[in-house]
Amino acid sequence: MKKEYKALYEKFGLNVVYYRKSLRVTQMQLAELLDIDRSHISAIELGNVGVSMDLIFKMCEVFKIKPKELFDFRD
């Protein structure tokens, strides 16, 4: 990940947190729904890792949202 994009990764992570909490699930529960490790969810939410398109699409299915909503960054 390029340092210049770190703030965008963090904003993406905050959106994942928002939708996870809206769904009222823990990181562990979301990880199980997405078939990934809980530590990967944590890293995504903190903006420490990138996310594949496959995982983005799967998140959208779980959250029942459109992909653009994960990228609608608020100030």
PDB file of N, CA and C in Angstrom:
ATOM      1  N   MET A   1       0.851  -1.167   0.000  1.00  0.00           N
ATOM      2  CA  MET A   1       0.000   0.000   0.000  1.00  0.00           C
ATOM      3  C   MET A   1       0.905   1.240   0.000  1.00  0.00           C
ATOM      4  N   LYS A   2       0.552   2.184  -0.861  1.00  0.00           N
ATOM      5  CA  LYS A   2       1.315   3.426  -0.909  1.00  0.00           C
ATOM      6  C   LYS A   2       0.887   4.329   0.241  1.00  0.00           C
ATOM      7  N   LYS A   3       1.868   4.975   0.856  1.00  0.00           N
ATOM      8  CA  LYS A   3       1.592   5.856   1.991  1.00  0.00           C
ATOM      9  C   LYS A   3       0.620   6.967   1.629  1.00  0.00           C
ATOM     10  N   GLU A   4       0.670   7.421   0.398  1.00  0.00           N
ATOM     11  CA  GLU A   4      -0.194   8.532  -0.019  1.00  0.00           C
ATOM     12  C   GLU A   4      -1.679   8.161  -0.005  1.00  0.00           C
ATOM     13  N   TYR A   5      -1.982   6.867   0.008  1.00  0.00           N
ATOM     14  CA  TYR A   5      -3.369   6.414   0.018  1.00  0.00           C
ATOM     15  C   TYR A   5      -3.841   5.937   1.389  1.00  0.00           C
ATOM     16  N   LYS A   6      -2.974   5.999   2.374  1.00  0.00           N
ATOM     17  CA  LYS A   6      -3.292   5.500   3.721  1.00  0.00           C
ATOM     18  C   LYS A   6      -4.587   6.099   4.265  1.00  0.00           C
ATOM     19  N   ALA A   7      -4.793   7.388   4.097  1.00  0.00           N
ATOM     20  CA  ALA A   7      -6.007   8.042   4.607  1.00  0.00           C
ATOM     21  C   ALA A   7      -7.261   7.479   3.941  1.00  0.00           C
ATOM     22  N   LEU A   8      -7.163   7.121   2.672  1.00  0.00           N
ATOM     23  CA  LEU A   8      -8.317   6.542   1.969  1.00  0.00           C
ATOM     24  C   LEU A   8      -8.607   5.130   2.468  1.00  0.00           C
ATOM     25  N   TYR A   9      -7.561   4.365   2.727  1.00  0.00           N
ATOM     26  CA  TYR A   9      -7.748   3.028   3.297  1.00  0.00           C
ATOM     27  C   TYR A   9      -8.420   3.131   4.666  1.00  0.00           C
ATOM     28  N   GLU A  10      -8.022   4.130   5.439  1.00  0.00           N
ATOM     29  CA  GLU A  10      -8.619   4.324   6.761  1.00  0.00           C
ATOM     30  C   GLU A  10     -10.091   4.704   6.651  1.00  0.00           C
ATOM     31  N   LYS A  11     -10.434   5.552   5.692  1.00  0.00           N
ATOM     32  CA  LYS A  11     -11.839   5.931   5.490  1.00  0.00           C
ATOM     33  C   LYS A  11     -12.662   4.726   5.039  1.00  0.00           C
ATOM     34  N   PHE A  12     -12.084   3.905   4.169  1.00  0.00           N
ATOM     35  CA  PHE A  12     -12.755   2.677   3.753  1.00  0.00           C
ATOM     36  C   PHE A  12     -13.000   1.796   4.975  1.00  0.00           C
ATOM     37  N   GLY A  13     -11.975   1.661   5.814  1.00  0.00           N
ATOM     38  CA  GLY A  13     -12.091   0.855   7.027  1.00  0.00           C
ATOM     39  C   GLY A  13     -13.182   1.359   7.956  1.00  0.00           C
ATOM     40  N   LEU A  14     -13.296   2.674   8.085  1.00  0.00           N
ATOM     41  CA  LEU A  14     -14.359   3.238   8.922  1.00  0.00           C
ATOM     42  C   LEU A  14     -15.737   2.908   8.362  1.00  0.00           C
ATOM     43  N   ASN A  15     -15.854   2.873   7.041  1.00  0.00           N
ATOM     44  CA  ASN A  15     -17.130   2.477   6.440  1.00  0.00           C
ATOM     45  C   ASN A  15     -17.439   1.012   6.736  1.00  0.00           C
ATOM     46  N   VAL A  16     -16.433   0.166   6.712  1.00  0.00           N
ATOM     47  CA  VAL A  16     -16.640  -1.247   7.050  1.00  0.00           C
ATOM     48  C   VAL A  16     -17.113  -1.355   8.501  1.00  0.00           C
ATOM     49  N   VAL A  17     -16.492  -0.602   9.394  1.00  0.00           N
ATOM     50  CA  VAL A  17     -16.921  -0.591  10.796  1.00  0.00           C
ATOM     51  C   VAL A  17     -18.385  -0.149  10.891  1.00  0.00           C
ATOM     52  N   TYR A  18     -18.720   0.930  10.194  1.00  0.00           N
ATOM     53  CA  TYR A  18     -20.087   1.472  10.225  1.00  0.00           C
ATOM     54  C   TYR A  18     -21.107   0.411   9.791  1.00  0.00           C
ATOM     55  N   TYR A  19     -20.856  -0.227   8.655  1.00  0.00           N
ATOM     56  CA  TYR A  19     -21.814  -1.215   8.153  1.00  0.00           C
ATOM     57  C   TYR A  19     -21.825  -2.482   9.004  1.00  0.00           C
ATOM     58  N   ARG A  20     -20.668  -2.854   9.567  1.00  0.00           N
ATOM     59  CA  ARG A  20     -20.633  -4.014  10.462  1.00  0.00           C
ATOM     60  C   ARG A  20     -21.478  -3.741  11.698  1.00  0.00           C
ATOM     61  N   LYS A  21     -21.320  -2.555  12.272  1.00  0.00           N
ATOM     62  CA  LYS A  21     -22.095  -2.212  13.471  1.00  0.00           C
ATOM     63  C   LYS A  21     -23.582  -2.049  13.149  1.00  0.00           C
ATOM     64  N   SER A  22     -23.883  -1.553  11.952  1.00  0.00           N
ATOM     65  CA  SER A  22     -25.289  -1.453  11.522  1.00  0.00           C
ATOM     66  C   SER A  22     -25.929  -2.832  11.460  1.00  0.00           C
ATOM     67  N   LEU A  23     -25.127  -3.809  11.078  1.00  0.00           N
ATOM     68  CA  LEU A  23     -25.589  -5.200  11.000  1.00  0.00           C
ATOM     69  C   LEU A  23     -25.615  -5.850  12.383  1.00  0.00           C
ATOM     70  N   ARG A  24     -24.987  -5.176  13.351  1.00  0.00           N
ATOM     71  CA  ARG A  24     -24.917  -5.649  14.736  1.00  0.00           C
ATOM     72  C   ARG A  24     -24.202  -6.998  14.860  1.00  0.00           C
ATOM     73  N   VAL A  25     -23.028  -7.048  14.220  1.00  0.00           N
ATOM     74  CA  VAL A  25     -22.202  -8.255  14.325  1.00  0.00           C
ATOM     75  C   VAL A  25     -20.809  -7.865  14.802  1.00  0.00           C
ATOM     76  N   THR A  26     -20.153  -8.807  15.415  1.00  0.00           N
ATOM     77  CA  THR A  26     -18.780  -8.610  15.863  1.00  0.00           C
ATOM     78  C   THR A  26     -17.825  -8.812  14.688  1.00  0.00           C
ATOM     79  N   GLN A  27     -16.563  -8.459  14.912  1.00  0.00           N
ATOM     80  CA  GLN A  27     -15.557  -8.734  13.889  1.00  0.00           C
ATOM     81  C   GLN A  27     -15.499 -10.230  13.594  1.00  0.00           C
ATOM     82  N   MET A  28     -15.595 -11.030  14.631  1.00  0.00           N
ATOM     83  CA  MET A  28     -15.540 -12.487  14.452  1.00  0.00           C
ATOM     84  C   MET A  28     -16.713 -12.984  13.616  1.00  0.00           C
ATOM     85  N   GLN A  29     -17.905 -12.487  13.906  1.00  0.00           N
ATOM     86  CA  GLN A  29     -19.081 -12.906  13.146  1.00  0.00           C
ATOM     87  C   GLN A  29     -18.971 -12.479  11.684  1.00  0.00           C
ATOM     88  N   LEU A  30     -18.496 -11.248  11.459  1.00  0.00           N
ATOM     89  CA  LEU A  30     -18.334 -10.789  10.082  1.00  0.00           C
ATOM     90  C   LEU A  30     -17.285 -11.627   9.360  1.00  0.00           C
ATOM     91  N   ALA A  31     -16.202 -11.925  10.047  1.00  0.00           N
ATOM     92  CA  ALA A  31     -15.152 -12.754   9.454  1.00  0.00           C
ATOM     93  C   ALA A  31     -15.714 -14.105   9.012  1.00  0.00           C
ATOM     94  N   GLU A  32     -16.561 -14.688   9.842  1.00  0.00           N
ATOM     95  CA  GLU A  32     -17.171 -15.974   9.488  1.00  0.00           C
ATOM     96  C   GLU A  32     -18.077 -15.829   8.267  1.00  0.00           C
ATOM     97  N   LEU A  33     -18.845 -14.745   8.204  1.00  0.00           N
ATOM     98  CA  LEU A  33     -19.730 -14.516   7.058  1.00  0.00           C
ATOM     99  C   LEU A  33     -18.940 -14.316   5.770  1.00  0.00           C
ATOM    100  N   LEU A  34     -17.754 -13.718   5.895  1.00  0.00           N
ATOM    101  CA  LEU A  34     -16.920 -13.436   4.723  1.00  0.00           C
ATOM    102  C   LEU A  34     -15.894 -14.522   4.445  1.00  0.00           C
ATOM    103  N   ASP A  35     -15.812 -15.505   5.340  1.00  0.00           N
ATOM    104  CA  ASP A  35     -14.865 -16.610   5.222  1.00  0.00           C
ATOM    105  C   ASP A  35     -13.410 -16.114   5.195  1.00  0.00           C
ATOM    106  N   ILE A  36     -13.100 -15.203   6.146  1.00  0.00           N
ATOM    107  CA  ILE A  36     -11.741 -14.718   6.322  1.00  0.00           C
ATOM    108  C   ILE A  36     -11.429 -14.693   7.820  1.00  0.00           C
ATOM    109  N   ASP A  37     -10.172 -14.456   8.167  1.00  0.00           N
ATOM    110  CA  ASP A  37      -9.776 -14.399   9.578  1.00  0.00           C
ATOM    111  C   ASP A  37     -10.243 -13.102  10.232  1.00  0.00           C
ATOM    112  N   ARG A  38     -10.512 -13.159  11.526  1.00  0.00           N
ATOM    113  CA  ARG A  38     -10.906 -11.963  12.264  1.00  0.00           C
ATOM    114  C   ARG A  38      -9.814 -10.913  12.209  1.00  0.00           C
ATOM    115  N   SER A  39      -8.552 -11.349  12.230  1.00  0.00           N
ATOM    116  CA  SER A  39      -7.440 -10.402  12.182  1.00  0.00           C
ATOM    117  C   SER A  39      -7.424  -9.626  10.858  1.00  0.00           C
ATOM    118  N   HIS A  40      -7.909 -10.254   9.791  1.00  0.00           N
ATOM    119  CA  HIS A  40      -7.996  -9.568   8.499  1.00  0.00           C
ATOM    120  C   HIS A  40      -9.066  -8.477   8.555  1.00  0.00           C
ATOM    121  N   ILE A  41     -10.194  -8.760   9.205  1.00  0.00           N
ATOM    122  CA  ILE A  41     -11.242  -7.741   9.391  1.00  0.00           C
ATOM    123  C   ILE A  41     -10.662  -6.568  10.178  1.00  0.00           C
ATOM    124  N   SER A  42      -9.947  -6.860  11.228  1.00  0.00           N
ATOM    125  CA  SER A  42      -9.340  -5.813  12.043  1.00  0.00           C
ATOM    126  C   SER A  42      -8.396  -4.959  11.207  1.00  0.00           C
ATOM    127  N   ALA A  43      -7.555  -5.592  10.408  1.00  0.00           N
ATOM    128  CA  ALA A  43      -6.602  -4.862   9.573  1.00  0.00           C
ATOM    129  C   ALA A  43      -7.322  -3.991   8.533  1.00  0.00           C
ATOM    130  N   ILE A  44      -8.424  -4.491   7.985  1.00  0.00           N
ATOM    131  CA  ILE A  44      -9.213  -3.711   7.028  1.00  0.00           C
ATOM    132  C   ILE A  44      -9.806  -2.494   7.724  1.00  0.00           C
ATOM    133  N   GLU A  45     -10.403  -2.718   8.883  1.00  0.00           N
ATOM    134  CA  GLU A  45     -11.052  -1.628   9.612  1.00  0.00           C
ATOM    135  C   GLU A  45     -10.055  -0.555  10.044  1.00  0.00           C
ATOM    136  N   LEU A  46      -8.827  -0.943  10.289  1.00  0.00           N
ATOM    137  CA  LEU A  46      -7.782   0.014  10.684  1.00  0.00           C
ATOM    138  C   LEU A  46      -7.114   0.676   9.481  1.00  0.00           C
ATOM    139  N   GLY A  47      -7.448   0.203   8.284  1.00  0.00           N
ATOM    140  CA  GLY A  47      -6.852   0.764   7.079  1.00  0.00           C
ATOM    141  C   GLY A  47      -5.428   0.305   6.851  1.00  0.00           C
ATOM    142  N   ASN A  48      -5.092  -0.879   7.349  1.00  0.00           N
ATOM    143  CA  ASN A  48      -3.728  -1.386   7.230  1.00  0.00           C
ATOM    144  C   ASN A  48      -3.500  -2.309   6.036  1.00  0.00           C
ATOM    145  N   VAL A  49      -4.580  -2.739   5.386  1.00  0.00           N
ATOM    146  CA  VAL A  49      -4.453  -3.636   4.234  1.00  0.00           C
ATOM    147  C   VAL A  49      -5.451  -3.246   3.150  1.00  0.00           C
ATOM    148  N   GLY A  50      -5.124  -3.636   1.937  1.00  0.00           N
ATOM    149  CA  GLY A  50      -6.050  -3.456   0.828  1.00  0.00           C
ATOM    150  C   GLY A  50      -7.039  -4.607   0.783  1.00  0.00           C
ATOM    151  N   VAL A  51      -8.063  -4.460  -0.041  1.00  0.00           N
ATOM    152  CA  VAL A  51      -9.124  -5.459  -0.122  1.00  0.00           C
ATOM    153  C   VAL A  51      -9.345  -5.818  -1.583  1.00  0.00           C
ATOM    154  N   SER A  52      -9.491  -7.106  -1.863  1.00  0.00           N
ATOM    155  CA  SER A  52      -9.749  -7.547  -3.231  1.00  0.00           C
ATOM    156  C   SER A  52     -11.174  -7.185  -3.644  1.00  0.00           C
ATOM    157  N   MET A  53     -11.388  -7.101  -4.940  1.00  0.00           N
ATOM    158  CA  MET A  53     -12.734  -6.835  -5.445  1.00  0.00           C
ATOM    159  C   MET A  53     -13.689  -7.952  -5.031  1.00  0.00           C
ATOM    160  N   ASP A  54     -13.223  -9.190  -5.026  1.00  0.00           N
ATOM    161  CA  ASP A  54     -14.073 -10.304  -4.606  1.00  0.00           C
ATOM    162  C   ASP A  54     -14.589 -10.081  -3.183  1.00  0.00           C
ATOM    163  N   LEU A  55     -13.697  -9.639  -2.296  1.00  0.00           N
ATOM    164  CA  LEU A  55     -14.091  -9.411  -0.910  1.00  0.00           C
ATOM    165  C   LEU A  55     -15.031  -8.211  -0.806  1.00  0.00           C
ATOM    166  N   ILE A  56     -14.788  -7.182  -1.598  1.00  0.00           N
ATOM    167  CA  ILE A  56     -15.691  -6.026  -1.607  1.00  0.00           C
ATOM    168  C   ILE A  56     -17.096  -6.460  -2.010  1.00  0.00           C
ATOM    169  N   PHE A  57     -17.193  -7.258  -3.065  1.00  0.00           N
ATOM    170  CA  PHE A  57     -18.505  -7.723  -3.526  1.00  0.00           C
ATOM    171  C   PHE A  57     -19.189  -8.588  -2.468  1.00  0.00           C
ATOM    172  N   LYS A  58     -18.396  -9.430  -1.798  1.00  0.00           N
ATOM    173  CA  LYS A  58     -18.961 -10.283  -0.748  1.00  0.00           C
ATOM    174  C   LYS A  58     -19.441  -9.443   0.428  1.00  0.00           C
ATOM    175  N   MET A  59     -18.661  -8.414   0.798  1.00  0.00           N
ATOM    176  CA  MET A  59     -19.079  -7.505   1.873  1.00  0.00           C
ATOM    177  C   MET A  59     -20.416  -6.855   1.517  1.00  0.00           C
ATOM    178  N   CYS A  60     -20.532  -6.426   0.280  1.00  0.00           N
ATOM    179  CA  CYS A  60     -21.763  -5.770  -0.155  1.00  0.00           C
ATOM    180  C   CYS A  60     -22.963  -6.710  -0.066  1.00  0.00           C
ATOM    181  N   GLU A  61     -22.759  -7.966  -0.383  1.00  0.00           N
ATOM    182  CA  GLU A  61     -23.839  -8.951  -0.228  1.00  0.00           C
ATOM    183  C   GLU A  61     -24.244  -9.074   1.229  1.00  0.00           C
ATOM    184  N   VAL A  62     -23.260  -9.168   2.105  1.00  0.00           N
ATOM    185  CA  VAL A  62     -23.522  -9.320   3.541  1.00  0.00           C
ATOM    186  C   VAL A  62     -24.188  -8.072   4.104  1.00  0.00           C
ATOM    187  N   PHE A  63     -23.670  -6.896   3.725  1.00  0.00           N
ATOM    188  CA  PHE A  63     -24.213  -5.637   4.241  1.00  0.00           C
ATOM    189  C   PHE A  63     -25.488  -5.196   3.516  1.00  0.00           C
ATOM    190  N   LYS A  64     -25.783  -5.862   2.391  1.00  0.00           N
ATOM    191  CA  LYS A  64     -26.936  -5.502   1.550  1.00  0.00           C
ATOM    192  C   LYS A  64     -26.852  -4.045   1.083  1.00  0.00           C
ATOM    193  N   ILE A  65     -25.678  -3.727   0.523  1.00  0.00           N
ATOM    194  CA  ILE A  65     -25.435  -2.386  -0.008  1.00  0.00           C
ATOM    195  C   ILE A  65     -24.794  -2.504  -1.389  1.00  0.00           C
ATOM    196  N   LYS A  66     -24.681  -1.380  -2.071  1.00  0.00           N
ATOM    197  CA  LYS A  66     -23.979  -1.324  -3.353  1.00  0.00           C
ATOM    198  C   LYS A  66     -22.513  -0.994  -3.090  1.00  0.00           C
ATOM    199  N   PRO A  67     -21.614  -1.467  -3.951  1.00  0.00           N
ATOM    200  CA  PRO A  67     -20.181  -1.212  -3.733  1.00  0.00           C
ATOM    201  C   PRO A  67     -19.849   0.266  -3.538  1.00  0.00           C
ATOM    202  N   LYS A  68     -20.519   1.148  -4.251  1.00  0.00           N
ATOM    203  CA  LYS A  68     -20.194   2.575  -4.130  1.00  0.00           C
ATOM    204  C   LYS A  68     -20.402   3.090  -2.711  1.00  0.00           C
ATOM    205  N   GLU A  69     -21.278   2.441  -1.958  1.00  0.00           N
ATOM    206  CA  GLU A  69     -21.540   2.876  -0.591  1.00  0.00           C
ATOM    207  C   GLU A  69     -20.334   2.646   0.319  1.00  0.00           C
ATOM    208  N   LEU A  70     -19.530   1.636   0.028  1.00  0.00           N
ATOM    209  CA  LEU A  70     -18.321   1.412   0.808  1.00  0.00           C
ATOM    210  C   LEU A  70     -17.281   2.495   0.528  1.00  0.00           C
ATOM    211  N   PHE A  71     -17.424   3.174  -0.608  1.00  0.00           N
ATOM    212  CA  PHE A  71     -16.463   4.196  -1.008  1.00  0.00           C
ATOM    213  C   PHE A  71     -17.031   5.614  -0.862  1.00  0.00           C
ATOM    214  N   ASP A  72     -18.161   5.732  -0.216  1.00  0.00           N
ATOM    215  CA  ASP A  72     -18.752   7.041   0.036  1.00  0.00           C
ATOM    216  C   ASP A  72     -18.141   7.573   1.332  1.00  0.00           C
ATOM    217  N   PHE A  73     -17.007   8.246   1.195  1.00  0.00           N
ATOM    218  CA  PHE A  73     -16.256   8.697   2.357  1.00  0.00           C
ATOM    219  C   PHE A  73     -16.833   9.995   2.909  1.00  0.00           C
ATOM    220  N   ARG A  74     -17.067   9.993   4.197  1.00  0.00           N
ATOM    221  CA  ARG A  74     -17.574  11.173   4.885  1.00  0.00           C
ATOM    222  C   ARG A  74     -16.413  11.931   5.517  1.00  0.00           C
ATOM    223  N   ASP A  75     -16.610  13.203   5.740  1.00  0.00           N
ATOM    224  CA  ASP A  75     -15.562  14.016   6.373  1.00  0.00           C
ATOM    225  C   ASP A  75     -15.558  13.858   7.877  1.00  0.00           C
TER     226      ASP A  75
END
